[in-house]
């Protein structure tokens, strides 16, 4: 989830004890995930709580990922 979207939705973020490196879909050539949070996802017939890493995404607000797609 982009940090901009997390701020707009006023979601509570939690600081990670160990930052995670990220190289794809972020602004800049290299970034780290320092925060994460759990949010309620409601789309069509899907209602669940899902964990998101908060990063500076370029051109995206949210990336659901293959795990979410396989489970839903």
Protein backbone atom coordinates (compact mmCIF):
# COMPACT_ATOMS: atom_id res chain seq x y z
CA UNK A 1 0.00 0.00 0.00
CA UNK A 2 1.30 3.43 -0.80
CA UNK A 3 2.14 5.68 2.11
CA UNK A 4 -0.08 8.34 0.51
CA UNK A 5 -3.15 6.05 0.54
CA UNK A 6 -2.48 5.00 4.14
CA UNK A 7 -2.38 8.66 5.18
CA UNK A 8 -5.53 9.51 3.19
CA UNK A 9 -7.45 6.64 4.81
CA UNK A 10 -6.03 7.57 8.24
CA UNK A 11 -4.94 4.00 8.93
CA UNK A 12 -2.82 3.17 11.97
CA UNK A 13 0.58 1.93 10.90
CA UNK A 14 2.98 -0.11 12.99
CA UNK A 15 6.76 0.19 12.78
CA UNK A 16 8.51 -3.03 11.77
CA UNK A 17 11.31 -4.26 14.01
CA UNK A 18 13.39 -5.24 10.96
CA UNK A 19 13.03 -3.14 7.77
CA UNK A 20 12.48 -5.16 4.58
CA UNK A 21 14.27 -4.28 1.30
CA UNK A 22 12.14 -3.62 -1.81
CA UNK A 23 13.36 -3.05 -5.35
CA UNK A 24 10.28 -3.17 -7.60
CA UNK A 25 7.34 -0.75 -7.98
CA UNK A 26 8.83 1.88 -5.65
CA UNK A 27 9.97 5.46 -6.17
CA UNK A 28 13.73 5.50 -6.42
CA UNK A 29 16.01 2.59 -7.24
CA UNK A 30 15.94 1.01 -3.77
CA UNK A 31 13.62 1.38 -0.81
CA UNK A 32 12.85 -0.26 2.52
CA UNK A 33 9.58 -1.16 4.18
CA UNK A 34 9.59 0.42 7.63
CA UNK A 35 5.86 0.23 8.43
CA UNK A 36 2.95 -2.16 8.01
CA UNK A 37 -0.72 -2.33 8.94
CA UNK A 38 -3.85 -4.44 8.74
CA UNK A 39 -6.90 -3.08 6.93
CA UNK A 40 -10.39 -4.33 6.18
CA UNK A 41 -10.79 -5.25 2.51
CA UNK A 42 -14.31 -5.18 1.05
CA UNK A 43 -14.74 -5.88 -2.66
CA UNK A 44 -17.74 -7.59 -4.26
CA UNK A 45 -18.16 -10.76 -2.11
CA UNK A 46 -14.74 -10.46 -0.37
CA UNK A 47 -14.71 -9.28 3.25
CA UNK A 48 -11.46 -9.82 5.16
CA UNK A 49 -8.70 -8.23 7.20
CA UNK A 50 -5.44 -8.15 5.25
CA UNK A 51 -1.90 -7.14 6.17
CA UNK A 52 -0.17 -4.54 3.97
CA UNK A 53 3.38 -3.23 3.94
CA UNK A 54 3.48 0.56 3.58
CA UNK A 55 5.94 1.78 0.95
CA UNK A 56 6.44 4.67 -1.48
CA UNK A 57 4.80 3.08 -4.53
CA UNK A 58 5.18 4.76 -7.89
CA UNK A 59 2.03 4.83 -10.07
CA UNK A 60 0.01 2.54 -7.74
CA UNK A 61 -2.09 2.99 -4.61
CA UNK A 62 -2.25 -0.67 -3.69
CA UNK A 63 -0.81 -3.99 -4.83
CA UNK A 64 -2.80 -7.02 -3.62
CA UNK A 65 -0.30 -9.72 -4.59
CA UNK A 66 -0.59 -13.33 -5.61
CA UNK A 67 -1.36 -14.70 -2.12
CA UNK A 68 -4.47 -12.50 -1.87
CA UNK A 69 -5.55 -13.43 -5.40
CA UNK A 70 -5.12 -17.18 -4.76
CA UNK A 71 -7.05 -17.06 -1.48
CA UNK A 72 -9.89 -14.96 -2.89
